[in-house]
Amino acid sequence: MAEKPISLEDIYNLITNSNTELKGEIEQLNKNITEVKKEIENTNNKFKEIEEENKTLKNKLNVLEAKLKKYSVVAYGINEEDKGAAEEAKEFIEQKLEIFIETTQIRDSYRIGRKVENQKKPRPLVIELLNYRTKQNILIKSKQLPRGSGVFVTNDYTKEEYEKRKVLHAHLKQARQANNSAYIKNNKLYVNGDAYSYETLQQDELPETFTVEATSKFETGHRSTNNNSETKRGEKRSAEEASSGKQKILVIHQGPKLRSNSRP
């Protein structure tokens, strides 16, 4: 029996059916893609919510840690003995700083880091106090300790504050090496009278070095007053430098390095 020849109508119907099936598959594929996009969007929203929650918790922890450390100091260079951190803290305050203190005024005291056998350098001693006035008195008295003794006292900063101060101190050192008048106050770096916050120093748009207007106060303040002519020449030279432009200071943009310990 002879096969029926394929007509143009048959070919047309075949193509039409194939297109219909293909169209249906494409529509289903688009639906699947839309559903996947929605799932991804929902997942991203959940991640954002988690990030916000983590950020809120981190801020709360920072506030809580700052409140706890408000009454604490860290003493460096205090010899370690077998009597314990509490007794060492009390003896240091009374004998070295000449401040009478009751044992009950010290909430807690401990050393930072693990004790290593035959370690020559004593570990920092954290002293937590119950009274803020006592803490301030300790900080004031500690400034009277003889230089070169290796014994000094600082505030007990949070980990975040330590990271910021580490960056500020790095810039402070470089600014002073360039003979600029520089110091740190209230978590800001002051160079020749201009204030720079940690956030400013960490801005990505900052070049490797940035400039501040030079002043002659630092140099003239360190010149000998016995030679008036030399002082005048120096002041004139500084004035010419200031009028010709701005003097660069070595404040290099670099991210803070993470510390392995929570305290130095």
C-alpha atoms as a PDB file:
ATOM      1  CA  MET A   1       0.000   0.000   0.000  1.00  0.00           C
ATOM      2  CA  ALA A   2       1.463   3.313  -1.040  1.00  0.00           C
ATOM      3  CA  GLU A   3       2.227   5.847   1.667  1.00  0.00           C
ATOM      4  CA  LYS A   4       0.176   8.980   1.668  1.00  0.00           C
ATOM      5  CA  PRO A   5       2.317  11.895   0.544  1.00  0.00           C
ATOM      6  CA  ILE A   6       3.002  14.628   3.149  1.00  0.00           C
ATOM      7  CA  SER A   7       1.122  17.712   2.249  1.00  0.00           C
ATOM      8  CA  LEU A   8       1.966  21.306   3.046  1.00  0.00           C
ATOM      9  CA  GLU A   9      -0.932  21.311   5.502  1.00  0.00           C
ATOM     10  CA  ASP A  10       0.646  18.425   7.409  1.00  0.00           C
ATOM     11  CA  ILE A  11       3.955  20.269   7.596  1.00  0.00           C
ATOM     12  CA  TYR A  12       2.202  23.416   8.754  1.00  0.00           C
ATOM     13  CA  ASN A  13       0.319  21.545  11.493  1.00  0.00           C
ATOM     14  CA  LEU A  14       3.531  19.845  12.637  1.00  0.00           C
ATOM     15  CA  ILE A  15       5.369  23.149  12.908  1.00  0.00           C
ATOM     16  CA  THR A  16       2.401  24.753  14.669  1.00  0.00           C
ATOM     17  CA  ASN A  17       2.228  21.961  17.241  1.00  0.00           C
ATOM     18  CA  SER A  18       5.989  22.114  17.819  1.00  0.00           C
ATOM     19  CA  ASN A  19       5.844  25.878  18.307  1.00  0.00           C
ATOM     20  CA  THR A  20       2.953  25.480  20.742  1.00  0.00           C
ATOM     21  CA  GLU A  21       4.880  22.920  22.789  1.00  0.00           C
ATOM     22  CA  LEU A  22       8.036  25.049  22.697  1.00  0.00           C
ATOM     23  CA  LYS A  23       6.073  28.124  23.738  1.00  0.00           C
ATOM     24  CA  GLY A  24       4.611  26.232  26.677  1.00  0.00           C
ATOM     25  CA  GLU A  25       8.056  25.064  27.761  1.00  0.00           C
ATOM     26  CA  ILE A  26       9.416  28.615  27.524  1.00  0.00           C
ATOM     27  CA  GLU A  27       6.521  29.962  29.599  1.00  0.00           C
ATOM     28  CA  GLN A  28       7.123  27.287  32.251  1.00  0.00           C
ATOM     29  CA  LEU A  29      10.829  28.097  32.226  1.00  0.00           C
ATOM     30  CA  ASN A  30      10.063  31.799  32.719  1.00  0.00           C
ATOM     31  CA  LYS A  31       7.793  30.925  35.637  1.00  0.00           C
ATOM     32  CA  ASN A  32      10.562  28.858  37.192  1.00  0.00           C
ATOM     33  CA  ILE A  33      13.040  31.716  36.737  1.00  0.00           C
ATOM     34  CA  THR A  34      10.577  34.151  38.322  1.00  0.00           C
ATOM     35  CA  GLU A  35      10.115  31.839  41.303  1.00  0.00           C
ATOM     36  CA  VAL A  36      13.891  31.447  41.703  1.00  0.00           C
ATOM     37  CA  LYS A  37      14.310  35.231  41.589  1.00  0.00           C
ATOM     38  CA  LYS A  38      11.668  35.620  44.296  1.00  0.00           C
ATOM     39  CA  GLU A  39      13.400  33.018  46.452  1.00  0.00           C
ATOM     40  CA  ILE A  40      16.740  34.787  45.991  1.00  0.00           C
ATOM     41  CA  GLU A  41      15.144  38.131  46.860  1.00  0.00           C
ATOM     42  CA  ASN A  42      13.554  36.641  49.982  1.00  0.00           C
ATOM     43  CA  THR A  43      16.890  35.115  50.975  1.00  0.00           C
ATOM     44  CA  ASN A  44      18.662  38.446  50.464  1.00  0.00           C
ATOM     45  CA  ASN A  45      16.048  40.196  52.581  1.00  0.00           C
ATOM     46  CA  LYS A  46      16.553  37.634  55.344  1.00  0.00           C
ATOM     47  CA  PHE A  47      20.323  38.173  55.170  1.00  0.00           C
ATOM     48  CA  LYS A  48      19.799  41.924  55.437  1.00  0.00           C
ATOM     49  CA  GLU A  49      17.589  41.426  58.472  1.00  0.00           C
ATOM     50  CA  ILE A  50      20.226  39.188  60.059  1.00  0.00           C
ATOM     51  CA  GLU A  51      22.946  41.746  59.299  1.00  0.00           C
ATOM     52  CA  GLU A  52      20.886  44.499  60.895  1.00  0.00           C
ATOM     53  CA  GLU A  53      20.246  42.330  63.944  1.00  0.00           C
ATOM     54  CA  ASN A  54      23.954  41.512  64.226  1.00  0.00           C
ATOM     55  CA  LYS A  55      24.817  45.181  63.872  1.00  0.00           C
ATOM     56  CA  THR A  56      22.342  46.097  66.604  1.00  0.00           C
ATOM     57  CA  LEU A  57      23.674  43.368  68.903  1.00  0.00           C
ATOM     58  CA  LYS A  58      27.256  44.459  68.226  1.00  0.00           C
ATOM     59  CA  ASN A  59      26.417  48.057  69.097  1.00  0.00           C
ATOM     60  CA  LYS A  60      24.713  46.940  72.297  1.00  0.00           C
ATOM     61  CA  LEU A  61      27.732  44.831  73.240  1.00  0.00           C
ATOM     62  CA  ASN A  62      30.074  47.752  72.529  1.00  0.00           C
ATOM     63  CA  VAL A  63      27.983  50.033  74.731  1.00  0.00           C
ATOM     64  CA  LEU A  64      27.900  47.434  77.497  1.00  0.00           C
ATOM     65  CA  GLU A  65      31.648  46.819  77.248  1.00  0.00           C
ATOM     66  CA  ALA A  66      32.349  50.556  77.302  1.00  0.00           C
ATOM     67  CA  LYS A  67      30.236  50.932  80.443  1.00  0.00           C
ATOM     68  CA  LEU A  68      32.124  48.118  82.156  1.00  0.00           C
ATOM     69  CA  LYS A  69      35.511  49.557  81.195  1.00  0.00           C
ATOM     70  CA  LYS A  70      34.551  53.056  82.293  1.00  0.00           C
ATOM     71  CA  TYR A  71      35.717  52.137  85.790  1.00  0.00           C
ATOM     72  CA  SER A  72      38.824  50.164  84.743  1.00  0.00           C
ATOM     73  CA  VAL A  73      42.492  50.964  84.195  1.00  0.00           C
ATOM     74  CA  VAL A  74      45.401  48.923  82.840  1.00  0.00           C
ATOM     75  CA  ALA A  75      48.744  49.078  84.665  1.00  0.00           C
ATOM     76  CA  TYR A  76      51.908  48.125  82.785  1.00  0.00           C
ATOM     77  CA  GLY A  77      55.272  47.125  84.261  1.00  0.00           C
ATOM     78  CA  ILE A  78      53.930  45.784  87.583  1.00  0.00           C
ATOM     79  CA  ASN A  79      56.021  42.808  88.683  1.00  0.00           C
ATOM     80  CA  GLU A  80      54.163  39.524  88.947  1.00  0.00           C
ATOM     81  CA  GLU A  81      54.355  37.775  92.298  1.00  0.00           C
ATOM     82  CA  ASP A  82      52.679  34.814  93.940  1.00  0.00           C
ATOM     83  CA  LYS A  83      50.438  36.987  96.088  1.00  0.00           C
ATOM     84  CA  GLY A  84      47.828  37.331  93.326  1.00  0.00           C
ATOM     85  CA  ALA A  85      46.550  40.131  91.096  1.00  0.00           C
ATOM     86  CA  ALA A  86      44.234  41.638  93.730  1.00  0.00           C
ATOM     87  CA  GLU A  87      47.024  42.153  96.265  1.00  0.00           C
ATOM     88  CA  GLU A  88      49.426  43.361  93.562  1.00  0.00           C
ATOM     89  CA  ALA A  89      46.879  45.953  92.437  1.00  0.00           C
ATOM     90  CA  LYS A  90      46.308  47.206  95.980  1.00  0.00           C
ATOM     91  CA  GLU A  91      50.049  47.444  96.725  1.00  0.00           C
ATOM     92  CA  PHE A  92      50.700  49.302  93.465  1.00  0.00           C
ATOM     93  CA  ILE A  93      47.987  51.859  94.161  1.00  0.00           C
ATOM     94  CA  GLU A  94      49.034  52.439  97.762  1.00  0.00           C
ATOM     95  CA  GLN A  95      52.832  52.215  97.485  1.00  0.00           C
ATOM     96  CA  LYS A  96      53.588  53.545  93.992  1.00  0.00           C
ATOM     97  CA  LEU A  97      50.727  56.025  93.617  1.00  0.00           C
ATOM     98  CA  GLU A  98      50.356  56.816  97.336  1.00  0.00           C
ATOM     99  CA  ILE A  99      46.579  56.447  97.237  1.00  0.00           C
ATOM    100  CA  PHE A 100      44.893  54.706 100.147  1.00  0.00           C
ATOM    101  CA  ILE A 101      42.296  52.269  98.905  1.00  0.00           C
ATOM    102  CA  GLU A 102      40.119  49.671 100.569  1.00  0.00           C
ATOM    103  CA  THR A 103      40.130  46.163  99.148  1.00  0.00           C
ATOM    104  CA  THR A 104      36.380  46.444  98.689  1.00  0.00           C
ATOM    105  CA  GLN A 105      36.908  49.382  96.285  1.00  0.00           C
ATOM    106  CA  ILE A 106      38.564  47.031  93.790  1.00  0.00           C
ATOM    107  CA  ARG A 107      35.846  45.078  92.010  1.00  0.00           C
ATOM    108  CA  ASP A 108      38.242  42.777  90.183  1.00  0.00           C
ATOM    109  CA  SER A 109      41.841  42.546  88.968  1.00  0.00           C
ATOM    110  CA  TYR A 110      43.550  40.164  86.580  1.00  0.00           C
ATOM    111  CA  ARG A 111      46.443  39.823  84.169  1.00  0.00           C
ATOM    112  CA  ILE A 112      46.031  39.941  80.388  1.00  0.00           C
ATOM    113  CA  GLY A 113      47.307  36.957  78.444  1.00  0.00           C
ATOM    114  CA  ARG A 114      48.679  33.568  79.421  1.00  0.00           C
ATOM    115  CA  LYS A 115      51.499  33.286  81.895  1.00  0.00           C
ATOM    116  CA  VAL A 116      54.685  31.996  80.260  1.00  0.00           C
ATOM    117  CA  GLU A 117      57.442  30.381  82.286  1.00  0.00           C
ATOM    118  CA  ASN A 118      60.595  32.510  82.637  1.00  0.00           C
ATOM    119  CA  GLN A 119      58.816  35.480  81.058  1.00  0.00           C
ATOM    120  CA  LYS A 120      60.746  38.630  81.949  1.00  0.00           C
ATOM    121  CA  LYS A 121      58.194  41.242  80.925  1.00  0.00           C
ATOM    122  CA  PRO A 122      55.200  41.299  83.300  1.00  0.00           C
ATOM    123  CA  ARG A 123      51.758  40.993  81.811  1.00  0.00           C
ATOM    124  CA  PRO A 124      49.452  44.054  81.898  1.00  0.00           C
ATOM    125  CA  LEU A 125      47.351  44.250  85.052  1.00  0.00           C
ATOM    126  CA  VAL A 126      43.674  45.197  84.681  1.00  0.00           C
ATOM    127  CA  ILE A 127      42.186  46.906  87.736  1.00  0.00           C
ATOM    128  CA  GLU A 128      38.395  47.236  87.835  1.00  0.00           C
ATOM    129  CA  LEU A 129      37.180  49.804  90.360  1.00  0.00           C
ATOM    130  CA  LEU A 130      33.827  50.599  91.888  1.00  0.00           C
ATOM    131  CA  ASN A 131      34.327  54.360  91.946  1.00  0.00           C
ATOM    132  CA  TYR A 132      34.980  56.547  88.884  1.00  0.00           C
ATOM    133  CA  ARG A 133      36.632  59.226  91.006  1.00  0.00           C
ATOM    134  CA  THR A 134      39.142  56.669  92.255  1.00  0.00           C
ATOM    135  CA  LYS A 135      39.951  55.742  88.668  1.00  0.00           C
ATOM    136  CA  GLN A 136      40.554  59.372  87.717  1.00  0.00           C
ATOM    137  CA  ASN A 137      42.760  59.843  90.773  1.00  0.00           C
ATOM    138  CA  ILE A 138      44.822  56.812  89.751  1.00  0.00           C
ATOM    139  CA  LEU A 139      45.285  58.167  86.209  1.00  0.00           C
ATOM    140  CA  ILE A 140      46.344  61.574  87.537  1.00  0.00           C
ATOM    141  CA  LYS A 141      48.781  60.134  90.061  1.00  0.00           C
ATOM    142  CA  SER A 142      50.251  57.758  87.488  1.00  0.00           C
ATOM    143  CA  LYS A 143      51.483  60.727  85.453  1.00  0.00           C
ATOM    144  CA  GLN A 144      53.855  61.495  88.336  1.00  0.00           C
ATOM    145  CA  LEU A 145      55.604  58.127  88.037  1.00  0.00           C
ATOM    146  CA  PRO A 146      59.290  58.489  87.105  1.00  0.00           C
ATOM    147  CA  ARG A 147      60.016  58.222  83.408  1.00  0.00           C
ATOM    148  CA  GLY A 148      62.100  55.275  82.361  1.00  0.00           C
ATOM    149  CA  SER A 149      60.694  53.066  85.106  1.00  0.00           C
ATOM    150  CA  GLY A 150      58.583  51.132  82.617  1.00  0.00           C
ATOM    151  CA  VAL A 151      55.541  51.551  84.849  1.00  0.00           C
ATOM    152  CA  PHE A 152      52.541  53.459  83.493  1.00  0.00           C
ATOM    153  CA  VAL A 153      48.740  53.380  83.578  1.00  0.00           C
ATOM    154  CA  THR A 154      46.175  53.840  80.797  1.00  0.00           C
ATOM    155  CA  ASN A 155      42.432  53.654  80.361  1.00  0.00           C
ATOM    156  CA  ASP A 156      41.013  50.211  79.720  1.00  0.00           C
ATOM    157  CA  TYR A 157      39.666  50.541  76.183  1.00  0.00           C
ATOM    158  CA  THR A 158      37.301  48.270  74.290  1.00  0.00           C
ATOM    159  CA  LYS A 159      38.628  46.194  71.399  1.00  0.00           C
ATOM    160  CA  GLU A 160      37.094  48.625  68.904  1.00  0.00           C
ATOM    161  CA  GLU A 161      38.692  51.586  70.686  1.00  0.00           C
ATOM    162  CA  TYR A 162      42.071  49.828  70.705  1.00  0.00           C
ATOM    163  CA  GLU A 163      41.862  49.298  66.951  1.00  0.00           C
ATOM    164  CA  LYS A 164      41.065  52.960  66.357  1.00  0.00           C
ATOM    165  CA  ARG A 165      43.778  54.225  68.699  1.00  0.00           C
ATOM    166  CA  LYS A 166      46.296  51.916  67.044  1.00  0.00           C
ATOM    167  CA  VAL A 167      45.673  53.664  63.717  1.00  0.00           C
ATOM    168  CA  LEU A 168      45.699  57.123  65.332  1.00  0.00           C
ATOM    169  CA  HIS A 169      49.014  56.423  67.080  1.00  0.00           C
ATOM    170  CA  ALA A 170      50.577  55.191  63.827  1.00  0.00           C
ATOM    171  CA  HIS A 171      49.648  58.485  62.151  1.00  0.00           C
ATOM    172  CA  LEU A 172      50.723  60.443  65.232  1.00  0.00           C
ATOM    173  CA  LYS A 173      54.202  58.939  65.057  1.00  0.00           C
ATOM    174  CA  GLN A 174      54.552  59.727  61.363  1.00  0.00           C
ATOM    175  CA  ALA A 175      53.295  63.281  61.798  1.00  0.00           C
ATOM    176  CA  ARG A 176      55.826  63.957  64.563  1.00  0.00           C
ATOM    177  CA  GLN A 177      58.625  62.449  62.499  1.00  0.00           C
ATOM    178  CA  ALA A 178      57.807  65.106  59.904  1.00  0.00           C
ATOM    179  CA  ASN A 179      58.274  67.796  62.604  1.00  0.00           C
ATOM    180  CA  ASN A 180      54.581  68.605  62.880  1.00  0.00           C
ATOM    181  CA  SER A 181      52.886  69.475  66.145  1.00  0.00           C
ATOM    182  CA  ALA A 182      50.656  66.451  66.767  1.00  0.00           C
ATOM    183  CA  TYR A 183      48.756  64.863  69.627  1.00  0.00           C
ATOM    184  CA  ILE A 184      45.700  62.678  70.311  1.00  0.00           C
ATOM    185  CA  LYS A 185      42.726  63.916  72.303  1.00  0.00           C
ATOM    186  CA  ASN A 186      39.195  62.523  72.584  1.00  0.00           C
ATOM    187  CA  ASN A 187      39.941  59.815  69.992  1.00  0.00           C
ATOM    188  CA  LYS A 188      41.027  62.371  67.385  1.00  0.00           C
ATOM    189  CA  LEU A 189      44.417  63.173  65.904  1.00  0.00           C
ATOM    190  CA  TYR A 190      45.357  66.855  65.966  1.00  0.00           C
ATOM    191  CA  VAL A 191      48.061  67.957  63.532  1.00  0.00           C
ATOM    192  CA  ASN A 192      49.035  71.611  63.570  1.00  0.00           C
ATOM    193  CA  GLY A 193      45.659  72.433  65.106  1.00  0.00           C
ATOM    194  CA  ASP A 194      43.552  70.468  62.588  1.00  0.00           C
ATOM    195  CA  ALA A 195      41.515  67.492  63.844  1.00  0.00           C
ATOM    196  CA  TYR A 196      41.357  64.131  62.035  1.00  0.00           C
ATOM    197  CA  SER A 197      39.016  61.383  63.212  1.00  0.00           C
ATOM    198  CA  TYR A 198      39.594  57.666  62.698  1.00  0.00           C
ATOM    199  CA  GLU A 199      36.823  57.633  60.082  1.00  0.00           C
ATOM    200  CA  THR A 200      38.506  60.466  58.162  1.00  0.00           C
ATOM    201  CA  LEU A 201      41.822  58.631  58.096  1.00  0.00           C
ATOM    202  CA  GLN A 202      40.108  55.476  56.837  1.00  0.00           C
ATOM    203  CA  GLN A 203      38.236  57.058  53.912  1.00  0.00           C
ATOM    204  CA  ASP A 204      38.996  55.215  50.689  1.00  0.00           C
ATOM    205  CA  GLU A 205      39.171  58.404  48.653  1.00  0.00           C
ATOM    206  CA  LEU A 206      42.170  59.647  50.616  1.00  0.00           C
ATOM    207  CA  PRO A 207      45.441  59.462  48.677  1.00  0.00           C
ATOM    208  CA  GLU A 208      48.490  57.821  50.204  1.00  0.00           C
ATOM    209  CA  THR A 209      49.442  61.155  51.719  1.00  0.00           C
ATOM    210  CA  PHE A 210      47.359  64.228  52.367  1.00  0.00           C
ATOM    211  CA  THR A 211      48.362  67.766  53.257  1.00  0.00           C
ATOM    212  CA  VAL A 212      47.577  70.180  56.017  1.00  0.00           C
ATOM    213  CA  GLU A 213      48.644  73.770  56.231  1.00  0.00           C
ATOM    214  CA  ALA A 214      52.038  74.054  57.908  1.00  0.00           C
ATOM    215  CA  THR A 215      52.592  76.318  60.889  1.00  0.00           C
ATOM    216  CA  SER A 216      55.791  77.613  62.393  1.00  0.00           C
ATOM    217  CA  LYS A 217      54.709  77.034  66.009  1.00  0.00           C
ATOM    218  CA  PHE A 218      56.288  73.606  66.324  1.00  0.00           C
ATOM    219  CA  GLU A 219      59.670  74.531  64.906  1.00  0.00           C
ATOM    220  CA  THR A 220      59.956  77.922  66.595  1.00  0.00           C
ATOM    221  CA  GLY A 221      58.891  76.426  69.922  1.00  0.00           C
ATOM    222  CA  HIS A 222      61.866  74.042  69.827  1.00  0.00           C
ATOM    223  CA  ARG A 223      64.534  76.491  68.710  1.00  0.00           C
ATOM    224  CA  SER A 224      66.968  77.970  71.141  1.00  0.00           C
ATOM    225  CA  THR A 225      65.923  81.352  72.468  1.00  0.00           C
ATOM    226  CA  ASN A 226      69.558  82.415  72.898  1.00  0.00           C
ATOM    227  CA  ASN A 227      70.048  83.124  69.215  1.00  0.00           C
ATOM    228  CA  ASN A 228      67.493  85.755  68.166  1.00  0.00           C
ATOM    229  CA  SER A 229      68.861  86.145  64.662  1.00  0.00           C
ATOM    230  CA  GLU A 230      68.579  82.406  64.001  1.00  0.00           C
ATOM    231  CA  THR A 231      65.023  82.417  65.348  1.00  0.00           C
ATOM    232  CA  LYS A 232      64.039  85.300  63.080  1.00  0.00           C
ATOM    233  CA  ARG A 233      65.551  83.579  60.054  1.00  0.00           C
ATOM    234  CA  GLY A 234      63.670  80.396  60.951  1.00  0.00           C
ATOM    235  CA  GLU A 235      60.382  82.260  61.338  1.00  0.00           C
ATOM    236  CA  LYS A 236      60.898  83.974  58.000  1.00  0.00           C
ATOM    237  CA  ARG A 237      61.690  80.665  56.314  1.00  0.00           C
ATOM    238  CA  SER A 238      58.582  79.033  57.848  1.00  0.00           C
ATOM    239  CA  ALA A 239      56.445  81.954  56.700  1.00  0.00           C
ATOM    240  CA  GLU A 240      57.787  81.592  53.152  1.00  0.00           C
ATOM    241  CA  GLU A 241      57.012  77.867  53.198  1.00  0.00           C
ATOM    242  CA  ALA A 242      53.487  78.500  54.440  1.00  0.00           C
ATOM    243  CA  SER A 243      52.834  81.149  51.791  1.00  0.00           C
ATOM    244  CA  SER A 244      54.169  78.996  48.959  1.00  0.00           C
ATOM    245  CA  GLY A 245      51.787  76.148  49.621  1.00  0.00           C
ATOM    246  CA  LYS A 246      51.081  73.328  52.020  1.00  0.00           C
ATOM    247  CA  GLN A 247      53.544  71.058  53.751  1.00  0.00           C
ATOM    248  CA  LYS A 248      52.941  67.335  53.567  1.00  0.00           C
ATOM    249  CA  ILE A 249      52.778  65.254  56.701  1.00  0.00           C
ATOM    250  CA  LEU A 250      53.349  61.545  56.802  1.00  0.00           C
ATOM    251  CA  VAL A 251      49.849  60.337  57.522  1.00  0.00           C
ATOM    252  CA  ILE A 252      49.520  57.268  55.341  1.00  0.00           C
ATOM    253  CA  HIS A 253      46.153  55.697  54.526  1.00  0.00           C
ATOM    254  CA  GLN A 254      46.155  52.107  55.693  1.00  0.00           C
ATOM    255  CA  GLY A 255      43.553  49.842  57.286  1.00  0.00           C
ATOM    256  CA  PRO A 256      43.981  48.788  60.894  1.00  0.00           C
ATOM    257  CA  LYS A 257      45.596  45.420  61.521  1.00  0.00           C
ATOM    258  CA  LEU A 258      43.488  43.027  63.551  1.00  0.00           C
ATOM    259  CA  ARG A 259      44.852  42.181  66.958  1.00  0.00           C
ATOM    260  CA  SER A 260      45.061  38.612  68.077  1.00  0.00           C
ATOM    261  CA  ASN A 261      44.099  39.533  71.647  1.00  0.00           C
ATOM    262  CA  SER A 262      41.255  41.663  72.882  1.00  0.00           C
ATOM    263  CA  ARG A 263      43.678  43.728  74.937  1.00  0.00           C
ATOM    264  CA  PRO A 264      47.309  44.649  74.299  1.00  0.00           C
END
